[in-house]
Amino acid sequence: MKKLLIIAVMALSFGTYAQVDPTFEKEGDKVKATYFHANGEIAQQGYFLNEKLEGEWKMFNENGDKIAMGNYENGIKTGKWLFWEGDVQKEVNFDNNRIASVNNAKTKSPVVIN
């Protein structure tokens, strides 16, 4: 009976953490990659060129909300990246894959208040 209970618990735990396979689509010289969370929502989306990260990449949480966005050049983080945590946005500047600066943006505020 104890073995049966252990097997049942293991089976349920594997079902809970089911993996969704990524998709890869050829677009010109690049390959568009889409990775998914276990619930089917997109986790990351971007491009590869010569097997290295290239161009804009976007990351999302399990609810589908964007949590990060930035660019890669030849597999290296470059330029301005944006990170969202709730209503707070951070701007992180990368130089040759290293953080050059971090700026905290104000929280979102309404455009019109009645």
PDB file of N, CA and C in Angstrom:
ATOM      1  N   MET A   1       0.828  -1.195   0.000  1.00  0.00           N
ATOM      2  CA  MET A   1       0.000   0.000   0.000  1.00  0.00           C
ATOM      3  C   MET A   1       0.874   1.261   0.000  1.00  0.00           C
ATOM      4  N   LYS A   2       1.964   1.221   0.786  1.00  0.00           N
ATOM      5  CA  LYS A   2       2.855   2.378   0.866  1.00  0.00           C
ATOM      6  C   LYS A   2       3.497   2.649  -0.495  1.00  0.00           C
ATOM      7  N   LYS A   3       3.883   1.585  -1.223  1.00  0.00           N
ATOM      8  CA  LYS A   3       4.482   1.743  -2.540  1.00  0.00           C
ATOM      9  C   LYS A   3       3.481   2.341  -3.524  1.00  0.00           C
ATOM     10  N   LEU A   4       2.247   1.911  -3.435  1.00  0.00           N
ATOM     11  CA  LEU A   4       1.202   2.436  -4.311  1.00  0.00           C
ATOM     12  C   LEU A   4       0.988   3.934  -4.078  1.00  0.00           C
ATOM     13  N   LEU A   5       1.012   4.359  -2.820  1.00  0.00           N
ATOM     14  CA  LEU A   5       0.864   5.769  -2.480  1.00  0.00           C
ATOM     15  C   LEU A   5       2.032   6.590  -3.024  1.00  0.00           C
ATOM     16  N   ILE A   6       3.234   6.073  -2.902  1.00  0.00           N
ATOM     17  CA  ILE A   6       4.420   6.776  -3.407  1.00  0.00           C
ATOM     18  C   ILE A   6       4.346   6.912  -4.926  1.00  0.00           C
ATOM     19  N   ILE A   7       3.941   5.841  -5.616  1.00  0.00           N
ATOM     20  CA  ILE A   7       3.823   5.876  -7.069  1.00  0.00           C
ATOM     21  C   ILE A   7       2.763   6.895  -7.496  1.00  0.00           C
ATOM     22  N   ALA A   8       1.638   6.933  -6.794  1.00  0.00           N
ATOM     23  CA  ALA A   8       0.572   7.881  -7.122  1.00  0.00           C
ATOM     24  C   ALA A   8       1.041   9.322  -6.951  1.00  0.00           C
ATOM     25  N   VAL A   9       1.752   9.597  -5.861  1.00  0.00           N
ATOM     26  CA  VAL A   9       2.268  10.952  -5.617  1.00  0.00           C
ATOM     27  C   VAL A   9       3.268  11.342  -6.694  1.00  0.00           C
ATOM     28  N   MET A  10       4.150  10.429  -7.067  1.00  0.00           N
ATOM     29  CA  MET A  10       5.140  10.710  -8.114  1.00  0.00           C
ATOM     30  C   MET A  10       4.457  10.982  -9.450  1.00  0.00           C
ATOM     31  N   ALA A  11       3.435  10.195  -9.789  1.00  0.00           N
ATOM     32  CA  ALA A  11       2.723  10.385 -11.056  1.00  0.00           C
ATOM     33  C   ALA A  11       2.046  11.750 -11.105  1.00  0.00           C
ATOM     34  N   LEU A  12       1.433  12.152 -10.017  1.00  0.00           N
ATOM     35  CA  LEU A  12       0.780  13.460  -9.970  1.00  0.00           C
ATOM     36  C   LEU A  12       1.790  14.589 -10.069  1.00  0.00           C
ATOM     37  N   SER A  13       2.938  14.436  -9.431  1.00  0.00           N
ATOM     38  CA  SER A  13       3.939  15.503  -9.471  1.00  0.00           C
ATOM     39  C   SER A  13       4.522  15.655 -10.867  1.00  0.00           C
ATOM     40  N   PHE A  14       4.707  14.562 -11.593  1.00  0.00           N
ATOM     41  CA  PHE A  14       5.210  14.671 -12.967  1.00  0.00           C
ATOM     42  C   PHE A  14       4.186  15.337 -13.861  1.00  0.00           C
ATOM     43  N   GLY A  15       2.918  15.057 -13.650  1.00  0.00           N
ATOM     44  CA  GLY A  15       1.855  15.680 -14.440  1.00  0.00           C
ATOM     45  C   GLY A  15       1.769  17.170 -14.199  1.00  0.00           C
ATOM     46  N   THR A  16       2.039  17.605 -12.978  1.00  0.00           N
ATOM     47  CA  THR A  16       1.976  19.012 -12.627  1.00  0.00           C
ATOM     48  C   THR A  16       3.077  19.806 -13.311  1.00  0.00           C
ATOM     49  N   TYR A  17       4.243  19.206 -13.489  1.00  0.00           N
ATOM     50  CA  TYR A  17       5.378  19.900 -14.077  1.00  0.00           C
ATOM     51  C   TYR A  17       5.630  19.451 -15.516  1.00  0.00           C
ATOM     52  N   ALA A  18       4.577  19.198 -16.256  1.00  0.00           N
ATOM     53  CA  ALA A  18       4.715  18.792 -17.646  1.00  0.00           C
ATOM     54  C   ALA A  18       5.407  19.899 -18.427  1.00  0.00           C
ATOM     55  N   GLN A  19       6.315  19.496 -19.276  1.00  0.00           N
ATOM     56  CA  GLN A  19       7.077  20.462 -20.048  1.00  0.00           C
ATOM     57  C   GLN A  19       6.434  20.651 -21.407  1.00  0.00           C
ATOM     58  N   VAL A  20       6.369  21.886 -21.881  1.00  0.00           N
ATOM     59  CA  VAL A  20       5.878  22.183 -23.212  1.00  0.00           C
ATOM     60  C   VAL A  20       7.100  22.410 -24.085  1.00  0.00           C
ATOM     61  N   ASP A  21       7.196  21.665 -25.162  1.00  0.00           N
ATOM     62  CA  ASP A  21       8.365  21.751 -26.037  1.00  0.00           C
ATOM     63  C   ASP A  21       8.430  23.108 -26.734  1.00  0.00           C
ATOM     64  N   PRO A  22       9.638  23.660 -26.898  1.00  0.00           N
ATOM     65  CA  PRO A  22       9.788  24.925 -27.614  1.00  0.00           C
ATOM     66  C   PRO A  22       9.508  24.740 -29.103  1.00  0.00           C
ATOM     67  N   THR A  23       9.230  25.848 -29.790  1.00  0.00           N
ATOM     68  CA  THR A  23       9.056  25.807 -31.242  1.00  0.00           C
ATOM     69  C   THR A  23      10.159  26.622 -31.893  1.00  0.00           C
ATOM     70  N   PHE A  24      10.555  26.207 -33.084  1.00  0.00           N
ATOM     71  CA  PHE A  24      11.596  26.883 -33.847  1.00  0.00           C
ATOM     72  C   PHE A  24      11.113  27.040 -35.288  1.00  0.00           C
ATOM     73  N   GLU A  25      11.157  28.283 -35.801  1.00  0.00           N
ATOM     74  CA  GLU A  25      10.699  28.567 -37.157  1.00  0.00           C
ATOM     75  C   GLU A  25      11.780  29.324 -37.907  1.00  0.00           C
ATOM     76  N   LYS A  26      12.119  28.875 -39.090  1.00  0.00           N
ATOM     77  CA  LYS A  26      13.117  29.554 -39.916  1.00  0.00           C
ATOM     78  C   LYS A  26      12.496  30.805 -40.517  1.00  0.00           C
ATOM     79  N   GLU A  27      13.153  31.953 -40.331  1.00  0.00           N
ATOM     80  CA  GLU A  27      12.725  33.228 -40.915  1.00  0.00           C
ATOM     81  C   GLU A  27      13.946  33.885 -41.542  1.00  0.00           C
ATOM     82  N   GLY A  28      14.124  33.691 -42.834  1.00  0.00           N
ATOM     83  CA  GLY A  28      15.319  34.210 -43.513  1.00  0.00           C
ATOM     84  C   GLY A  28      16.558  33.516 -42.990  1.00  0.00           C
ATOM     85  N   ASP A  29      17.556  34.307 -42.579  1.00  0.00           N
ATOM     86  CA  ASP A  29      18.790  33.740 -42.034  1.00  0.00           C
ATOM     87  C   ASP A  29      18.652  33.346 -40.571  1.00  0.00           C
ATOM     88  N   LYS A  30      17.597  33.843 -39.910  1.00  0.00           N
ATOM     89  CA  LYS A  30      17.424  33.625 -38.469  1.00  0.00           C
ATOM     90  C   LYS A  30      16.441  32.499 -38.188  1.00  0.00           C
ATOM     91  N   VAL A  31      16.472  32.026 -36.941  1.00  0.00           N
ATOM     92  CA  VAL A  31      15.514  31.039 -36.461  1.00  0.00           C
ATOM     93  C   VAL A  31      14.764  31.668 -35.292  1.00  0.00           C
ATOM     94  N   LYS A  32      13.442  31.763 -35.413  1.00  0.00           N
ATOM     95  CA  LYS A  32      12.609  32.306 -34.338  1.00  0.00           C
ATOM     96  C   LYS A  32      12.331  31.187 -33.343  1.00  0.00           C
ATOM     97  N   ALA A  33      12.674  31.447 -32.092  1.00  0.00           N
ATOM     98  CA  ALA A  33      12.482  30.455 -31.027  1.00  0.00           C
ATOM     99  C   ALA A  33      11.412  30.949 -30.064  1.00  0.00           C
ATOM    100  N   THR A  34      10.537  30.037 -29.664  1.00  0.00           N
ATOM    101  CA  THR A  34       9.516  30.340 -28.674  1.00  0.00           C
ATOM    102  C   THR A  34       9.554  29.252 -27.613  1.00  0.00           C
ATOM    103  N   TYR A  35       9.781  29.652 -26.365  1.00  0.00           N
ATOM    104  CA  TYR A  35       9.809  28.732 -25.229  1.00  0.00           C
ATOM    105  C   TYR A  35       8.558  28.971 -24.391  1.00  0.00           C
ATOM    106  N   PHE A  36       8.051  27.916 -23.762  1.00  0.00           N
ATOM    107  CA  PHE A  36       6.782  27.988 -23.058  1.00  0.00           C
ATOM    108  C   PHE A  36       6.909  27.609 -21.588  1.00  0.00           C
ATOM    109  N   HIS A  37       6.033  28.190 -20.770  1.00  0.00           N
ATOM    110  CA  HIS A  37       5.869  27.753 -19.385  1.00  0.00           C
ATOM    111  C   HIS A  37       5.063  26.453 -19.397  1.00  0.00           C
ATOM    112  N   ALA A  38       5.037  25.745 -18.284  1.00  0.00           N
ATOM    113  CA  ALA A  38       4.297  24.485 -18.180  1.00  0.00           C
ATOM    114  C   ALA A  38       2.809  24.672 -18.454  1.00  0.00           C
ATOM    115  N   ASN A  39       2.272  25.883 -18.200  1.00  0.00           N
ATOM    116  CA  ASN A  39       0.841  26.125 -18.427  1.00  0.00           C
ATOM    117  C   ASN A  39       0.522  26.488 -19.883  1.00  0.00           C
ATOM    118  N   GLY A  40       1.537  26.495 -20.752  1.00  0.00           N
ATOM    119  CA  GLY A  40       1.329  26.785 -22.164  1.00  0.00           C
ATOM    120  C   GLY A  40       1.563  28.229 -22.556  1.00  0.00           C
ATOM    121  N   GLU A  41       1.672  29.135 -21.583  1.00  0.00           N
ATOM    122  CA  GLU A  41       1.950  30.544 -21.886  1.00  0.00           C
ATOM    123  C   GLU A  41       3.390  30.686 -22.389  1.00  0.00           C
ATOM    124  N   ILE A  42       3.624  31.670 -23.243  1.00  0.00           N
ATOM    125  CA  ILE A  42       4.968  31.917 -23.757  1.00  0.00           C
ATOM    126  C   ILE A  42       5.865  32.396 -22.626  1.00  0.00           C
ATOM    127  N   ALA A  43       7.049  31.804 -22.501  1.00  0.00           N
ATOM    128  CA  ALA A  43       8.034  32.206 -21.497  1.00  0.00           C
ATOM    129  C   ALA A  43       9.067  33.162 -22.112  1.00  0.00           C
ATOM    130  N   GLN A  44       9.569  32.817 -23.303  1.00  0.00           N
ATOM    131  CA  GLN A  44      10.559  33.643 -23.993  1.00  0.00           C
ATOM    132  C   GLN A  44      10.340  33.525 -25.484  1.00  0.00           C
ATOM    133  N   GLN A  45      10.690  34.613 -26.190  1.00  0.00           N
ATOM    134  CA  GLN A  45      10.579  34.581 -27.638  1.00  0.00           C
ATOM    135  C   GLN A  45      11.655  35.472 -28.223  1.00  0.00           C
ATOM    136  N   GLY A  46      12.371  34.964 -29.208  1.00  0.00           N
ATOM    137  CA  GLY A  46      13.420  35.732 -29.853  1.00  0.00           C
ATOM    138  C   GLY A  46      14.049  34.954 -30.989  1.00  0.00           C
ATOM    139  N   TYR A  47      15.227  35.390 -31.408  1.00  0.00           N
ATOM    140  CA  TYR A  47      15.863  34.826 -32.593  1.00  0.00           C
ATOM    141  C   TYR A  47      17.259  34.301 -32.306  1.00  0.00           C
ATOM    142  N   PHE A  48      17.655  33.338 -33.134  1.00  0.00           N
ATOM    143  CA  PHE A  48      19.017  32.822 -33.171  1.00  0.00           C
ATOM    144  C   PHE A  48      19.575  33.096 -34.558  1.00  0.00           C
ATOM    145  N   LEU A  49      20.860  33.415 -34.619  1.00  0.00           N
ATOM    146  CA  LEU A  49      21.581  33.541 -35.866  1.00  0.00           C
ATOM    147  C   LEU A  49      22.910  32.834 -35.660  1.00  0.00           C
ATOM    148  N   ASN A  50      23.192  31.851 -36.481  1.00  0.00           N
ATOM    149  CA  ASN A  50      24.417  31.043 -36.330  1.00  0.00           C
ATOM    150  C   ASN A  50      24.522  30.458 -34.921  1.00  0.00           C
ATOM    151  N   GLU A  51      23.393  29.971 -34.411  1.00  0.00           N
ATOM    152  CA  GLU A  51      23.293  29.305 -33.101  1.00  0.00           C
ATOM    153  C   GLU A  51      23.580  30.227 -31.913  1.00  0.00           C
ATOM    154  N   LYS A  52      23.519  31.539 -32.120  1.00  0.00           N
ATOM    155  CA  LYS A  52      23.708  32.509 -31.043  1.00  0.00           C
ATOM    156  C   LYS A  52      22.476  33.404 -30.963  1.00  0.00           C
ATOM    157  N   LEU A  53      22.142  33.864 -29.736  1.00  0.00           N
ATOM    158  CA  LEU A  53      21.017  34.776 -29.553  1.00  0.00           C
ATOM    159  C   LEU A  53      21.267  36.037 -30.363  1.00  0.00           C
ATOM    160  N   GLU A  54      20.210  36.517 -31.052  1.00  0.00           N
ATOM    161  CA  GLU A  54      20.376  37.668 -31.930  1.00  0.00           C
ATOM    162  C   GLU A  54      19.088  38.479 -31.984  1.00  0.00           C
ATOM    163  N   GLY A  55      19.208  39.799 -31.895  1.00  0.00           N
ATOM    164  CA  GLY A  55      18.051  40.669 -32.018  1.00  0.00           C
ATOM    165  C   GLY A  55      17.238  40.751 -30.747  1.00  0.00           C
ATOM    166  N   GLU A  56      15.989  41.163 -30.894  1.00  0.00           N
ATOM    167  CA  GLU A  56      15.122  41.397 -29.738  1.00  0.00           C
ATOM    168  C   GLU A  56      14.623  40.083 -29.130  1.00  0.00           C
ATOM    169  N   TRP A  57      14.699  40.016 -27.803  1.00  0.00           N
ATOM    170  CA  TRP A  57      14.149  38.897 -27.033  1.00  0.00           C
ATOM    171  C   TRP A  57      13.166  39.461 -26.027  1.00  0.00           C
ATOM    172  N   LYS A  58      12.069  38.732 -25.842  1.00  0.00           N
ATOM    173  CA  LYS A  58      11.048  39.123 -24.867  1.00  0.00           C
ATOM    174  C   LYS A  58      10.829  37.964 -23.909  1.00  0.00           C
ATOM    175  N   MET A  59      10.632  38.285 -22.620  1.00  0.00           N
ATOM    176  CA  MET A  59      10.358  37.281 -21.596  1.00  0.00           C
ATOM    177  C   MET A  59       9.032  37.606 -20.920  1.00  0.00           C
ATOM    178  N   PHE A  60       8.283  36.554 -20.587  1.00  0.00           N
ATOM    179  CA  PHE A  60       6.955  36.708 -20.004  1.00  0.00           C
ATOM    180  C   PHE A  60       6.808  35.822 -18.770  1.00  0.00           C
ATOM    181  N   ASN A  61       5.953  36.237 -17.833  1.00  0.00           N
ATOM    182  CA  ASN A  61       5.677  35.390 -16.674  1.00  0.00           C
ATOM    183  C   ASN A  61       4.585  34.381 -17.031  1.00  0.00           C
ATOM    184  N   GLU A  62       4.208  33.544 -16.080  1.00  0.00           N
ATOM    185  CA  GLU A  62       3.226  32.487 -16.309  1.00  0.00           C
ATOM    186  C   GLU A  62       1.841  33.027 -16.666  1.00  0.00           C
ATOM    187  N   ASN A  63       1.573  34.296 -16.362  1.00  0.00           N
ATOM    188  CA  ASN A  63       0.283  34.910 -16.689  1.00  0.00           C
ATOM    189  C   ASN A  63       0.282  35.576 -18.061  1.00  0.00           C
ATOM    190  N   GLY A  64       1.433  35.587 -18.733  1.00  0.00           N
ATOM    191  CA  GLY A  64       1.532  36.217 -20.044  1.00  0.00           C
ATOM    192  C   GLY A  64       1.936  37.673 -20.004  1.00  0.00           C
ATOM    193  N   ASP A  65       2.259  38.197 -18.807  1.00  0.00           N
ATOM    194  CA  ASP A  65       2.697  39.593 -18.686  1.00  0.00           C
ATOM    195  C   ASP A  65       4.175  39.694 -19.047  1.00  0.00           C
ATOM    196  N   LYS A  66       4.526  40.729 -19.830  1.00  0.00           N
ATOM    197  CA  LYS A  66       5.928  40.929 -20.208  1.00  0.00           C
ATOM    198  C   LYS A  66       6.734  41.321 -18.974  1.00  0.00           C
ATOM    199  N   ILE A  67       7.866  40.652 -18.759  1.00  0.00           N
ATOM    200  CA  ILE A  67       8.714  40.954 -17.602  1.00  0.00           C
ATOM    201  C   ILE A  67      10.098  41.453 -18.009  1.00  0.00           C
ATOM    202  N   ALA A  68      10.496  41.236 -19.267  1.00  0.00           N
ATOM    203  CA  ALA A  68      11.801  41.726 -19.720  1.00  0.00           C
ATOM    204  C   ALA A  68      11.824  41.786 -21.236  1.00  0.00           C
ATOM    205  N   MET A  69      12.655  42.728 -21.750  1.00  0.00           N
ATOM    206  CA  MET A  69      12.807  42.874 -23.185  1.00  0.00           C
ATOM    207  C   MET A  69      14.145  43.538 -23.452  1.00  0.00           C
ATOM    208  N   GLY A  70      14.886  42.996 -24.413  1.00  0.00           N
ATOM    209  CA  GLY A  70      16.163  43.589 -24.768  1.00  0.00           C
ATOM    210  C   GLY A  70      16.744  42.945 -26.002  1.00  0.00           C
ATOM    211  N   ASN A  71      17.961  43.361 -26.343  1.00  0.00           N
ATOM    212  CA  ASN A  71      18.607  42.900 -27.574  1.00  0.00           C
ATOM    213  C   ASN A  71      19.905  42.155 -27.310  1.00  0.00           C
ATOM    214  N   TYR A  72      20.142  41.210 -28.194  1.00  0.00           N
ATOM    215  CA  TYR A  72      21.407  40.482 -28.238  1.00  0.00           C
ATOM    216  C   TYR A  72      22.077  40.755 -29.566  1.00  0.00           C
ATOM    217  N   GLU A  73      23.397  40.840 -29.555  1.00  0.00           N
ATOM    218  CA  GLU A  73      24.196  40.900 -30.775  1.00  0.00           C
ATOM    219  C   GLU A  73      25.252  39.825 -30.668  1.00  0.00           C
ATOM    220  N   ASN A  74      25.144  38.837 -31.542  1.00  0.00           N
ATOM    221  CA  ASN A  74      26.111  37.737 -31.558  1.00  0.00           C
ATOM    222  C   ASN A  74      26.191  37.034 -30.200  1.00  0.00           C
ATOM    223  N   GLY A  75      25.039  36.868 -29.547  1.00  0.00           N
ATOM    224  CA  GLY A  75      24.969  36.158 -28.270  1.00  0.00           C
ATOM    225  C   GLY A  75      25.282  36.996 -27.049  1.00  0.00           C
ATOM    226  N   ILE A  76      25.474  38.297 -27.225  1.00  0.00           N
ATOM    227  CA  ILE A  76      25.860  39.185 -26.121  1.00  0.00           C
ATOM    228  C   ILE A  76      24.762  40.219 -25.886  1.00  0.00           C
ATOM    229  N   LYS A  77      24.369  40.420 -24.611  1.00  0.00           N
ATOM    230  CA  LYS A  77      23.388  41.458 -24.274  1.00  0.00           C
ATOM    231  C   LYS A  77      23.991  42.825 -24.574  1.00  0.00           C
ATOM    232  N   THR A  78      23.210  43.635 -25.292  1.00  0.00           N
ATOM    233  CA  THR A  78      23.693  44.974 -25.629  1.00  0.00           C
ATOM    234  C   THR A  78      22.575  45.991 -25.485  1.00  0.00           C
ATOM    235  N   GLY A  79      22.974  47.228 -25.283  1.00  0.00           N
ATOM    236  CA  GLY A  79      22.023  48.332 -25.267  1.00  0.00           C
ATOM    237  C   GLY A  79      21.070  48.315 -24.088  1.00  0.00           C
ATOM    238  N   LYS A  80      19.927  48.956 -24.291  1.00  0.00           N
ATOM    239  CA  LYS A  80      18.943  49.143 -23.227  1.00  0.00           C
ATOM    240  C   LYS A  80      18.029  47.926 -23.118  1.00  0.00           C
ATOM    241  N   TRP A  81      17.912  47.402 -21.905  1.00  0.00           N
ATOM    242  CA  TRP A  81      16.971  46.333 -21.578  1.00  0.00           C
ATOM    243  C   TRP A  81      15.953  46.902 -20.610  1.00  0.00           C
ATOM    244  N   LEU A  82      14.715  46.479 -20.746  1.00  0.00           N
ATOM    245  CA  LEU A  82      13.654  46.904 -19.836  1.00  0.00           C
ATOM    246  C   LEU A  82      13.179  45.703 -19.030  1.00  0.00           C
ATOM    247  N   PHE A  83      12.982  45.922 -17.725  1.00  0.00           N
ATOM    248  CA  PHE A  83      12.485  44.881 -16.825  1.00  0.00           C
ATOM    249  C   PHE A  83      11.271  45.436 -16.096  1.00  0.00           C
ATOM    250  N   TRP A  84      10.205  44.646 -16.018  1.00  0.00           N
ATOM    251  CA  TRP A  84       8.986  45.049 -15.325  1.00  0.00           C
ATOM    252  C   TRP A  84       8.757  44.153 -14.129  1.00  0.00           C
ATOM    253  N   GLU A  85       8.425  44.775 -13.009  1.00  0.00           N
ATOM    254  CA  GLU A  85       8.029  44.046 -11.810  1.00  0.00           C
ATOM    255  C   GLU A  85       6.793  44.755 -11.281  1.00  0.00           C
ATOM    256  N   GLY A  86       5.631  44.207 -11.614  1.00  0.00           N
ATOM    257  CA  GLY A  86       4.380  44.895 -11.295  1.00  0.00           C
ATOM    258  C   GLY A  86       4.302  46.162 -12.125  1.00  0.00           C
ATOM    259  N   ASP A  87       4.091  47.299 -11.470  1.00  0.00           N
ATOM    260  CA  ASP A  87       4.008  48.583 -12.166  1.00  0.00           C
ATOM    261  C   ASP A  87       5.357  49.293 -12.253  1.00  0.00           C
ATOM    262  N   VAL A  88       6.397  48.692 -11.702  1.00  0.00           N
ATOM    263  CA  VAL A  88       7.719  49.318 -11.690  1.00  0.00           C
ATOM    264  C   VAL A  88       8.528  48.841 -12.899  1.00  0.00           C
ATOM    265  N   GLN A  89       9.149  49.802 -13.576  1.00  0.00           N
ATOM    266  CA  GLN A  89       9.988  49.487 -14.732  1.00  0.00           C
ATOM    267  C   GLN A  89      11.420  49.891 -14.436  1.00  0.00           C
ATOM    268  N   LYS A  90      12.355  48.989 -14.753  1.00  0.00           N
ATOM    269  CA  LYS A  90      13.783  49.308 -14.616  1.00  0.00           C
ATOM    270  C   LYS A  90      14.418  49.274 -15.993  1.00  0.00           C
ATOM    271  N   GLU A  91      15.306  50.232 -16.215  1.00  0.00           N
ATOM    272  CA  GLU A  91      16.050  50.294 -17.461  1.00  0.00           C
ATOM    273  C   GLU A  91      17.502  49.948 -17.147  1.00  0.00           C
ATOM    274  N   VAL A  92      17.986  48.899 -17.771  1.00  0.00           N
ATOM    275  CA  VAL A  92      19.356  48.442 -17.545  1.00  0.00           C
ATOM    276  C   VAL A  92      20.108  48.554 -18.865  1.00  0.00           C
ATOM    277  N   ASN A  93      21.216  49.272 -18.851  1.00  0.00           N
ATOM    278  CA  ASN A  93      22.042  49.410 -20.043  1.00  0.00           C
ATOM    279  C   ASN A  93      23.204  48.443 -19.974  1.00  0.00           C
ATOM    280  N   PHE A  94      23.367  47.675 -21.050  1.00  0.00           N
ATOM    281  CA  PHE A  94      24.442  46.687 -21.138  1.00  0.00           C
ATOM    282  C   PHE A  94      25.492  47.151 -22.125  1.00  0.00           C
ATOM    283  N   ASP A  95      26.740  46.886 -21.793  1.00  0.00           N
ATOM    284  CA  ASP A  95      27.858  47.144 -22.679  1.00  0.00           C
ATOM    285  C   ASP A  95      28.705  45.875 -22.698  1.00  0.00           C
ATOM    286  N   ASN A  96      28.720  45.189 -23.836  1.00  0.00           N
ATOM    287  CA  ASN A  96      29.473  43.953 -23.984  1.00  0.00           C
ATOM    288  C   ASN A  96      29.101  42.921 -22.909  1.00  0.00           C
ATOM    289  N   ASN A  97      27.817  42.731 -22.717  1.00  0.00           N
ATOM    290  CA  ASN A  97      27.260  41.728 -21.793  1.00  0.00           C
ATOM    291  C   ASN A  97      27.446  42.074 -20.320  1.00  0.00           C
ATOM    292  N   ARG A  98      27.867  43.301 -20.016  1.00  0.00           N
ATOM    293  CA  ARG A  98      28.031  43.744 -18.630  1.00  0.00           C
ATOM    294  C   ARG A  98      27.096  44.917 -18.359  1.00  0.00           C
ATOM    295  N   ILE A  99      26.588  44.981 -17.137  1.00  0.00           N
ATOM    296  CA  ILE A  99      25.696  46.076 -16.767  1.00  0.00           C
ATOM    297  C   ILE A  99      26.496  47.365 -16.689  1.00  0.00           C
ATOM    298  N   ALA A 100      26.099  48.354 -17.492  1.00  0.00           N
ATOM    299  CA  ALA A 100      26.761  49.655 -17.497  1.00  0.00           C
ATOM    300  C   ALA A 100      26.039  50.623 -16.570  1.00  0.00           C
ATOM    301  N   SER A 101      24.713  50.547 -16.512  1.00  0.00           N
ATOM    302  CA  SER A 101      23.941  51.429 -15.632  1.00  0.00           C
ATOM    303  C   SER A 101      22.550  50.853 -15.417  1.00  0.00           C
ATOM    304  N   VAL A 102      21.919  51.274 -14.296  1.00  0.00           N
ATOM    305  CA  VAL A 102      20.557  50.877 -13.966  1.00  0.00           C
ATOM    306  C   VAL A 102      19.780  52.125 -13.587  1.00  0.00           C
ATOM    307  N   ASN A 103      18.623  52.306 -14.220  1.00  0.00           N
ATOM    308  CA  ASN A 103      17.761  53.433 -13.902  1.00  0.00           C
ATOM    309  C   ASN A 103      16.397  52.899 -13.494  1.00  0.00           C
ATOM    310  N   ASN A 104      15.910  53.357 -12.354  1.00  0.00           N
ATOM    311  CA  ASN A 104      14.573  52.983 -11.912  1.00  0.00           C
ATOM    312  C   ASN A 104      13.586  54.002 -12.440  1.00  0.00           C
ATOM    313  N   ALA A 105      12.621  53.520 -13.214  1.00  0.00           N
ATOM    314  CA  ALA A 105      11.572  54.399 -13.714  1.00  0.00           C
ATOM    315  C   ALA A 105      10.494  54.499 -12.676  1.00  0.00           C
ATOM    316  N   LYS A 106       9.726  55.558 -12.743  1.00  0.00           N
ATOM    317  CA  LYS A 106       8.612  55.730 -11.804  1.00  0.00           C
ATOM    318  C   LYS A 106       7.554  54.676 -12.092  1.00  0.00           C
ATOM    319  N   THR A 107       6.703  54.439 -11.123  1.00  0.00           N
ATOM    320  CA  THR A 107       5.591  53.526 -11.325  1.00  0.00           C
ATOM    321  C   THR A 107       4.618  54.130 -12.307  1.00  0.00           C
ATOM    322  N   LYS A 108       3.849  53.268 -12.938  1.00  0.00           N
ATOM    323  CA  LYS A 108       2.863  53.738 -13.901  1.00  0.00           C
ATOM    324  C   LYS A 108       1.859  54.635 -13.195  1.00  0.00           C
ATOM    325  N   SER A 109       1.540  55.738 -13.834  1.00  0.00           N
ATOM    326  CA  SER A 109       0.524  56.633 -13.279  1.00  0.00           C
ATOM    327  C   SER A 109      -0.527  56.875 -14.352  1.00  0.00           C
ATOM    328  N   PRO A 110      -1.750  57.105 -13.955  1.00  0.00           N
ATOM    329  CA  PRO A 110      -2.805  57.312 -14.945  1.00  0.00           C
ATOM    330  C   PRO A 110      -2.597  58.597 -15.725  1.00  0.00           C
ATOM    331  N   VAL A 111      -3.006  58.584 -16.993  1.00  0.00           N
ATOM    332  CA  VAL A 111      -2.878  59.753 -17.848  1.00  0.00           C
ATOM    333  C   VAL A 111      -3.927  60.796 -17.452  1.00  0.00           C
ATOM    334  N   VAL A 112      -5.130  60.332 -17.143  1.00  0.00           N
ATOM    335  CA  VAL A 112      -6.221  61.233 -16.774  1.00  0.00           C
ATOM    336  C   VAL A 112      -6.800  60.799 -15.447  1.00  0.00           C
ATOM    337  N   ILE A 113      -7.019  61.748 -14.567  1.00  0.00           N
ATOM    338  CA  ILE A 113      -7.647  61.452 -13.276  1.00  0.00           C
ATOM    339  C   ILE A 113      -8.928  62.256 -13.196  1.00  0.00           C
ATOM    340  N   ASN A 114     -10.027  61.588 -12.851  1.00  0.00           N
ATOM    341  CA  ASN A 114     -11.319  62.276 -12.713  1.00  0.00           C
ATOM    342  C   ASN A 114     -11.480  62.828 -11.333  1.00  0.00           C
TER     343      ASN A 114
END
